[in-house]
Amino acid sequence: SVRAIWKDAMTLMADGMIDRRIVTTRPKD
């Protein structure tokens, strides 16, 4: 779980550099 959080942070935070609106929800939800 800790490794998954790290990998998820890498992806979500990189996305947040492009779109200043931090979006964390998955489309299906």
PDB file of all heavy atoms in Angstrom:
ATOM      1  N   SER A   1       0.823  -1.212   0.000  1.00  0.00           N
ATOM      2  CA  SER A   1       0.000   0.000   0.000  1.00  0.00           C
ATOM      3  C   SER A   1       0.854   1.258   0.000  1.00  0.00           C
ATOM      4  O   SER A   1       0.532   2.244  -0.669  1.00  0.00           O
ATOM      5  CB  SER A   1      -0.929   0.006   1.217  1.00  0.00           C
ATOM      6  OG  SER A   1      -1.873  -1.039   1.140  1.00  0.00           O
ATOM      7  N   VAL A   2       1.943   1.241   0.740  1.00  0.00           N
ATOM      8  CA  VAL A   2       2.829   2.406   0.779  1.00  0.00           C
ATOM      9  C   VAL A   2       3.454   2.646  -0.594  1.00  0.00           C
ATOM     10  O   VAL A   2       3.534   3.782  -1.069  1.00  0.00           O
ATOM     11  CB  VAL A   2       3.924   2.224   1.843  1.00  0.00           C
ATOM     12  CG1 VAL A   2       4.893   3.407   1.820  1.00  0.00           C
ATOM     13  CG2 VAL A   2       3.298   2.103   3.232  1.00  0.00           C
ATOM     14  N   ARG A   3       3.891   1.577  -1.243  1.00  0.00           N
ATOM     15  CA  ARG A   3       4.452   1.723  -2.590  1.00  0.00           C
ATOM     16  C   ARG A   3       3.401   2.245  -3.561  1.00  0.00           C
ATOM     17  O   ARG A   3       3.702   3.076  -4.440  1.00  0.00           O
ATOM     18  CB  ARG A   3       4.999   0.375  -3.081  1.00  0.00           C
ATOM     19  CG  ARG A   3       6.271  -0.078  -2.367  1.00  0.00           C
ATOM     20  CD  ARG A   3       6.942  -1.212  -3.132  1.00  0.00           C
ATOM     21  NE  ARG A   3       6.081  -2.391  -3.219  1.00  0.00           N
ATOM     22  CZ  ARG A   3       6.071  -3.381  -2.336  1.00  0.00           C
ATOM     23  NH1 ARG A   3       6.860  -3.327  -1.277  1.00  0.00           N
ATOM     24  NH2 ARG A   3       5.271  -4.419  -2.499  1.00  0.00           N
ATOM     25  N   ALA A   4       2.163   1.780  -3.416  1.00  0.00           N
ATOM     26  CA  ALA A   4       1.087   2.238  -4.300  1.00  0.00           C
ATOM     27  C   ALA A   4       0.805   3.719  -4.098  1.00  0.00           C
ATOM     28  O   ALA A   4       0.548   4.449  -5.068  1.00  0.00           O
ATOM     29  CB  ALA A   4      -0.174   1.415  -4.056  1.00  0.00           C
ATOM     30  N   ILE A   5       0.852   4.196  -2.854  1.00  0.00           N
ATOM     31  CA  ILE A   5       0.643   5.622  -2.579  1.00  0.00           C
ATOM     32  C   ILE A   5       1.736   6.449  -3.242  1.00  0.00           C
ATOM     33  O   ILE A   5       1.464   7.496  -3.849  1.00  0.00           O
ATOM     34  CB  ILE A   5       0.605   5.877  -1.059  1.00  0.00           C
ATOM     35  CG1 ILE A   5      -0.699   5.334  -0.463  1.00  0.00           C
ATOM     36  CG2 ILE A   5       0.750   7.364  -0.747  1.00  0.00           C
ATOM     37  CD1 ILE A   5      -0.760   5.411   1.046  1.00  0.00           C
ATOM     38  N   TRP A   6       2.985   6.016  -3.150  1.00  0.00           N
ATOM     39  CA  TRP A   6       4.092   6.724  -3.792  1.00  0.00           C
ATOM     40  C   TRP A   6       3.884   6.826  -5.303  1.00  0.00           C
ATOM     41  O   TRP A   6       4.006   7.896  -5.890  1.00  0.00           O
ATOM     42  CB  TRP A   6       5.410   6.020  -3.477  1.00  0.00           C
ATOM     43  CG  TRP A   6       6.586   6.539  -4.244  1.00  0.00           C
ATOM     44  CD1 TRP A   6       7.129   6.008  -5.388  1.00  0.00           C
ATOM     45  CD2 TRP A   6       7.377   7.696  -3.943  1.00  0.00           C
ATOM     46  NE1 TRP A   6       8.191   6.752  -5.813  1.00  0.00           N
ATOM     47  CE2 TRP A   6       8.370   7.795  -4.948  1.00  0.00           C
ATOM     48  CE3 TRP A   6       7.346   8.640  -2.910  1.00  0.00           C
ATOM     49  CZ2 TRP A   6       9.322   8.814  -4.950  1.00  0.00           C
ATOM     50  CZ3 TRP A   6       8.289   9.657  -2.925  1.00  0.00           C
ATOM     51  CH2 TRP A   6       9.262   9.731  -3.935  1.00  0.00           C
ATOM     52  N   LYS A   7       3.538   5.705  -5.935  1.00  0.00           N
ATOM     53  CA  LYS A   7       3.339   5.703  -7.386  1.00  0.00           C
ATOM     54  C   LYS A   7       2.139   6.575  -7.769  1.00  0.00           C
ATOM     55  O   LYS A   7       2.169   7.289  -8.776  1.00  0.00           O
ATOM     56  CB  LYS A   7       3.146   4.273  -7.887  1.00  0.00           C
ATOM     57  CG  LYS A   7       4.406   3.425  -7.802  1.00  0.00           C
ATOM     58  CD  LYS A   7       4.169   2.023  -8.333  1.00  0.00           C
ATOM     59  CE  LYS A   7       5.432   1.177  -8.252  1.00  0.00           C
ATOM     60  NZ  LYS A   7       5.205  -0.210  -8.745  1.00  0.00           N
ATOM     61  N   ASP A   8       1.087   6.507  -6.961  1.00  0.00           N
ATOM     62  CA  ASP A   8      -0.091   7.324  -7.225  1.00  0.00           C
ATOM     63  C   ASP A   8       0.246   8.804  -7.088  1.00  0.00           C
ATOM     64  O   ASP A   8      -0.213   9.642  -7.876  1.00  0.00           O
ATOM     65  CB  ASP A   8      -1.204   6.937  -6.254  1.00  0.00           C
ATOM     66  CG  ASP A   8      -2.599   7.231  -6.783  1.00  0.00           C
ATOM     67  OD1 ASP A   8      -2.754   7.362  -8.018  1.00  0.00           O
ATOM     68  OD2 ASP A   8      -3.534   7.321  -5.967  1.00  0.00           O
ATOM     69  N   ALA A   9       1.059   9.141  -6.075  1.00  0.00           N
ATOM     70  CA  ALA A   9       1.469  10.535  -5.888  1.00  0.00           C
ATOM     71  C   ALA A   9       2.270  11.035  -7.088  1.00  0.00           C
ATOM     72  O   ALA A   9       2.090  12.176  -7.540  1.00  0.00           O
ATOM     73  CB  ALA A   9       2.288  10.674  -4.615  1.00  0.00           C
ATOM     74  N   MET A  10       3.147  10.204  -7.611  1.00  0.00           N
ATOM     75  CA  MET A  10       3.937  10.598  -8.775  1.00  0.00           C
ATOM     76  C   MET A  10       3.030  10.978  -9.942  1.00  0.00           C
ATOM     77  O   MET A  10       3.248  11.988 -10.625  1.00  0.00           O
ATOM     78  CB  MET A  10       4.870   9.454  -9.182  1.00  0.00           C
ATOM     79  CG  MET A  10       5.973   9.154  -8.189  1.00  0.00           C
ATOM     80  SD  MET A  10       6.914   7.660  -8.633  1.00  0.00           S
ATOM     81  CE  MET A  10       7.694   8.202 -10.163  1.00  0.00           C
ATOM     82  N   THR A  11       1.987  10.188 -10.159  1.00  0.00           N
ATOM     83  CA  THR A  11       1.082  10.426 -11.282  1.00  0.00           C
ATOM     84  C   THR A  11       0.174  11.628 -11.040  1.00  0.00           C
ATOM     85  O   THR A  11       0.070  12.529 -11.879  1.00  0.00           O
ATOM     86  CB  THR A  11       0.222   9.181 -11.540  1.00  0.00           C
ATOM     87  OG1 THR A  11       1.071   8.076 -11.861  1.00  0.00           O
ATOM     88  CG2 THR A  11      -0.743   9.412 -12.687  1.00  0.00           C
ATOM     89  N   LEU A  12      -0.489  11.653  -9.882  1.00  0.00           N
ATOM     90  CA  LEU A  12      -1.450  12.720  -9.609  1.00  0.00           C
ATOM     91  C   LEU A  12      -0.784  14.082  -9.519  1.00  0.00           C
ATOM     92  O   LEU A  12      -1.316  15.084 -10.020  1.00  0.00           O
ATOM     93  CB  LEU A  12      -2.195  12.430  -8.308  1.00  0.00           C
ATOM     94  CG  LEU A  12      -3.177  11.256  -8.306  1.00  0.00           C
ATOM     95  CD1 LEU A  12      -3.811  11.108  -6.932  1.00  0.00           C
ATOM     96  CD2 LEU A  12      -4.252  11.434  -9.363  1.00  0.00           C
ATOM     97  N   MET A  13       0.397  14.138  -8.900  1.00  0.00           N
ATOM     98  CA  MET A  13       1.069  15.427  -8.744  1.00  0.00           C
ATOM     99  C   MET A  13       1.628  15.919 -10.075  1.00  0.00           C
ATOM    100  O   MET A  13       1.633  17.121 -10.346  1.00  0.00           O
ATOM    101  CB  MET A  13       2.146  15.325  -7.675  1.00  0.00           C
ATOM    102  CG  MET A  13       1.563  15.058  -6.288  1.00  0.00           C
ATOM    103  SD  MET A  13       2.805  14.799  -4.992  1.00  0.00           S
ATOM    104  CE  MET A  13       3.385  16.488  -4.749  1.00  0.00           C
ATOM    105  N   ALA A  14       2.080  14.998 -10.906  1.00  0.00           N
ATOM    106  CA  ALA A  14       2.537  15.396 -12.244  1.00  0.00           C
ATOM    107  C   ALA A  14       1.371  15.940 -13.065  1.00  0.00           C
ATOM    108  O   ALA A  14       1.503  16.937 -13.786  1.00  0.00           O
ATOM    109  CB  ALA A  14       3.185  14.211 -12.948  1.00  0.00           C
ATOM    110  N   ASP A  15       0.212  15.301 -12.948  1.00  0.00           N
ATOM    111  CA  ASP A  15      -0.973  15.809 -13.635  1.00  0.00           C
ATOM    112  C   ASP A  15      -1.340  17.194 -13.117  1.00  0.00           C
ATOM    113  O   ASP A  15      -1.779  18.066 -13.875  1.00  0.00           O
ATOM    114  CB  ASP A  15      -2.160  14.861 -13.429  1.00  0.00           C
ATOM    115  CG  ASP A  15      -2.001  13.541 -14.170  1.00  0.00           C
ATOM    116  OD1 ASP A  15      -1.132  13.471 -15.074  1.00  0.00           O
ATOM    117  OD2 ASP A  15      -2.731  12.589 -13.847  1.00  0.00           O
ATOM    118  N   GLY A  16      -1.152  17.410 -11.815  1.00  0.00           N
ATOM    119  CA  GLY A  16      -1.477  18.696 -11.212  1.00  0.00           C
ATOM    120  C   GLY A  16      -0.557  19.816 -11.653  1.00  0.00           C
ATOM    121  O   GLY A  16      -0.890  20.988 -11.492  1.00  0.00           O
ATOM    122  N   MET A  17       0.606  19.484 -12.194  1.00  0.00           N
ATOM    123  CA  MET A  17       1.504  20.503 -12.738  1.00  0.00           C
ATOM    124  C   MET A  17       0.964  21.044 -14.058  1.00  0.00           C
ATOM    125  O   MET A  17       1.236  22.186 -14.436  1.00  0.00           O
ATOM    126  CB  MET A  17       2.897  19.922 -12.971  1.00  0.00           C
ATOM    127  CG  MET A  17       3.674  19.634 -11.717  1.00  0.00           C
ATOM    128  SD  MET A  17       5.291  18.933 -12.098  1.00  0.00           S
ATOM    129  CE  MET A  17       6.060  20.279 -13.030  1.00  0.00           C
ATOM    130  N   ILE A  18       0.216  20.227 -14.766  1.00  0.00           N
ATOM    131  CA  ILE A  18      -0.319  20.621 -16.069  1.00  0.00           C
ATOM    132  C   ILE A  18      -1.633  21.367 -15.894  1.00  0.00           C
ATOM    133  O   ILE A  18      -1.852  22.443 -16.440  1.00  0.00           O
ATOM    134  CB  ILE A  18      -0.511  19.378 -16.957  1.00  0.00           C
ATOM    135  CG1 ILE A  18       0.840  18.672 -17.170  1.00  0.00           C
ATOM    136  CG2 ILE A  18      -1.133  19.765 -18.297  1.00  0.00           C
ATOM    137  CD1 ILE A  18       0.726  17.319 -17.820  1.00  0.00           C
ATOM    138  N   ASP A  19      -2.528  20.758 -15.121  1.00  0.00           N
ATOM    139  CA  ASP A  19      -3.824  21.361 -14.846  1.00  0.00           C
ATOM    140  C   ASP A  19      -3.806  21.838 -13.403  1.00  0.00           C
ATOM    141  O   ASP A  19      -3.799  21.045 -12.480  1.00  0.00           O
ATOM    142  CB  ASP A  19      -4.925  20.314 -15.052  1.00  0.00           C
ATOM    143  CG  ASP A  19      -6.322  20.896 -14.861  1.00  0.00           C
ATOM    144  OD1 ASP A  19      -6.423  22.074 -14.465  1.00  0.00           O
ATOM    145  OD2 ASP A  19      -7.297  20.176 -15.100  1.00  0.00           O
ATOM    146  N   ARG A  20      -3.806  23.150 -13.185  1.00  0.00           N
ATOM    147  CA  ARG A  20      -3.685  23.682 -11.825  1.00  0.00           C
ATOM    148  C   ARG A  20      -4.876  23.279 -10.960  1.00  0.00           C
ATOM    149  O   ARG A  20      -4.813  23.349  -9.746  1.00  0.00           O
ATOM    150  CB  ARG A  20      -3.546  25.193 -11.869  1.00  0.00           C
ATOM    151  CG  ARG A  20      -2.271  25.633 -12.560  1.00  0.00           C
ATOM    152  CD  ARG A  20      -2.121  27.121 -12.511  1.00  0.00           C
ATOM    153  NE  ARG A  20      -1.906  27.602 -11.159  1.00  0.00           N
ATOM    154  CZ  ARG A  20      -1.988  28.875 -10.812  1.00  0.00           C
ATOM    155  NH1 ARG A  20      -2.312  29.774 -11.714  1.00  0.00           N
ATOM    156  NH2 ARG A  20      -1.765  29.248  -9.578  1.00  0.00           N
ATOM    157  N   ARG A  21      -5.967  22.833 -11.572  1.00  0.00           N
ATOM    158  CA  ARG A  21      -7.078  22.279 -10.808  1.00  0.00           C
ATOM    159  C   ARG A  21      -6.738  20.823 -10.510  1.00  0.00           C
ATOM    160  O   ARG A  21      -6.672  19.986 -11.397  1.00  0.00           O
ATOM    161  CB  ARG A  21      -8.371  22.365 -11.615  1.00  0.00           C
ATOM    162  CG  ARG A  21      -9.589  21.889 -10.850  1.00  0.00           C
ATOM    163  CD  ARG A  21     -10.853  21.994 -11.666  1.00  0.00           C
ATOM    164  NE  ARG A  21     -10.865  21.058 -12.771  1.00  0.00           N
ATOM    165  CZ  ARG A  21     -11.998  20.597 -13.319  1.00  0.00           C
ATOM    166  NH1 ARG A  21     -13.166  21.006 -12.864  1.00  0.00           N
ATOM    167  NH2 ARG A  21     -11.949  19.764 -14.331  1.00  0.00           N
ATOM    168  N   ILE A  22      -6.480  20.534  -9.229  1.00  0.00           N
ATOM    169  CA  ILE A  22      -6.103  19.181  -8.855  1.00  0.00           C
ATOM    170  C   ILE A  22      -7.317  18.270  -8.959  1.00  0.00           C
ATOM    171  O   ILE A  22      -8.310  18.451  -8.249  1.00  0.00           O
ATOM    172  CB  ILE A  22      -5.526  19.150  -7.422  1.00  0.00           C
ATOM    173  CG1 ILE A  22      -4.254  19.987  -7.349  1.00  0.00           C
ATOM    174  CG2 ILE A  22      -5.248  17.724  -6.975  1.00  0.00           C
ATOM    175  CD1 ILE A  22      -3.687  20.124  -5.942  1.00  0.00           C
ATOM    176  N   VAL A  23      -7.254  17.308  -9.860  1.00  0.00           N
ATOM    177  CA  VAL A  23      -8.343  16.350 -10.070  1.00  0.00           C
ATOM    178  C   VAL A  23      -7.848  14.970  -9.657  1.00  0.00           C
ATOM    179  O   VAL A  23      -6.855  14.474 -10.180  1.00  0.00           O
ATOM    180  CB  VAL A  23      -8.790  16.325 -11.541  1.00  0.00           C
ATOM    181  CG1 VAL A  23      -9.894  15.283 -11.745  1.00  0.00           C
ATOM    182  CG2 VAL A  23      -9.271  17.700 -11.985  1.00  0.00           C
ATOM    183  N   THR A  24      -8.538  14.352  -8.714  1.00  0.00           N
ATOM    184  CA  THR A  24      -8.097  13.066  -8.191  1.00  0.00           C
ATOM    185  C   THR A  24      -9.125  11.950  -8.373  1.00  0.00           C
ATOM    186  O   THR A  24      -8.831  10.793  -8.106  1.00  0.00           O
ATOM    187  CB  THR A  24      -7.782  13.182  -6.682  1.00  0.00           C
ATOM    188  OG1 THR A  24      -8.938  13.667  -6.007  1.00  0.00           O
ATOM    189  CG2 THR A  24      -6.612  14.126  -6.446  1.00  0.00           C
ATOM    190  N   THR A  25     -10.326  12.283  -8.828  1.00  0.00           N
ATOM    191  CA  THR A  25     -11.355  11.262  -9.007  1.00  0.00           C
ATOM    192  C   THR A  25     -11.173  10.527 -10.326  1.00  0.00           C
ATOM    193  O   THR A  25     -10.721  11.094 -11.318  1.00  0.00           O
ATOM    194  CB  THR A  25     -12.757  11.882  -8.967  1.00  0.00           C
ATOM    195  OG1 THR A  25     -12.809  12.980  -9.896  1.00  0.00           O
ATOM    196  CG2 THR A  25     -13.089  12.391  -7.582  1.00  0.00           C
ATOM    197  N   ARG A  26     -11.579   9.271 -10.328  1.00  0.00           N
ATOM    198  CA  ARG A  26     -11.570   8.462 -11.549  1.00  0.00           C
ATOM    199  C   ARG A  26     -12.891   8.676 -12.278  1.00  0.00           C
ATOM    200  O   ARG A  26     -13.947   8.783 -11.640  1.00  0.00           O
ATOM    201  CB  ARG A  26     -11.371   6.988 -11.208  1.00  0.00           C
ATOM    202  CG  ARG A  26     -10.038   6.694 -10.519  1.00  0.00           C
ATOM    203  CD  ARG A  26      -9.929   5.219 -10.158  1.00  0.00           C
ATOM    204  NE  ARG A  26      -8.599   4.896  -9.614  1.00  0.00           N
ATOM    205  CZ  ARG A  26      -8.298   4.897  -8.320  1.00  0.00           C
ATOM    206  NH1 ARG A  26      -9.243   5.213  -7.421  1.00  0.00           N
ATOM    207  NH2 ARG A  26      -7.085   4.584  -7.909  1.00  0.00           N
ATOM    208  N   PRO A  27     -12.863   8.737 -13.614  1.00  0.00           N
ATOM    209  CA  PRO A  27     -14.104   9.010 -14.357  1.00  0.00           C
ATOM    210  C   PRO A  27     -15.260   8.097 -13.974  1.00  0.00           C
ATOM    211  O   PRO A  27     -16.410   8.547 -13.871  1.00  0.00           O
ATOM    212  CB  PRO A  27     -13.680   8.810 -15.812  1.00  0.00           C
ATOM    213  CG  PRO A  27     -12.233   9.170 -15.823  1.00  0.00           C
ATOM    214  CD  PRO A  27     -11.700   8.665 -14.515  1.00  0.00           C
ATOM    215  N   LYS A  28     -14.997   6.813 -13.717  1.00  0.00           N
ATOM    216  CA  LYS A  28     -16.073   5.863 -13.420  1.00  0.00           C
ATOM    217  C   LYS A  28     -16.792   6.179 -12.105  1.00  0.00           C
ATOM    218  O   LYS A  28     -17.927   5.743 -11.890  1.00  0.00           O
ATOM    219  CB  LYS A  28     -15.524   4.441 -13.371  1.00  0.00           C
ATOM    220  CG  LYS A  28     -14.546   4.166 -12.230  1.00  0.00           C
ATOM    221  CD  LYS A  28     -14.014   2.740 -12.299  1.00  0.00           C
ATOM    222  CE  LYS A  28     -13.038   2.446 -11.158  1.00  0.00           C
ATOM    223  NZ  LYS A  28     -13.728   2.456  -9.851  1.00  0.00           N
ATOM    224  N   ASP A  29     -16.151   6.951 -11.222  1.00  0.00           N
ATOM    225  CA  ASP A  29     -16.740   7.271  -9.928  1.00  0.00           C
ATOM    226  C   ASP A  29     -17.481   8.608  -9.923  1.00  0.00           C
ATOM    227  O   ASP A  29     -18.120   8.952  -8.915  1.00  0.00           O
ATOM    228  CB  ASP A  29     -15.651   7.307  -8.845  1.00  0.00           C
ATOM    229  CG  ASP A  29     -15.022   5.943  -8.612  1.00  0.00           C
ATOM    230  OD1 ASP A  29     -15.716   4.928  -8.794  1.00  0.00           O
ATOM    231  OD2 ASP A  29     -13.832   5.908  -8.246  1.00  0.00           O
TER     232      ASP A  29
END
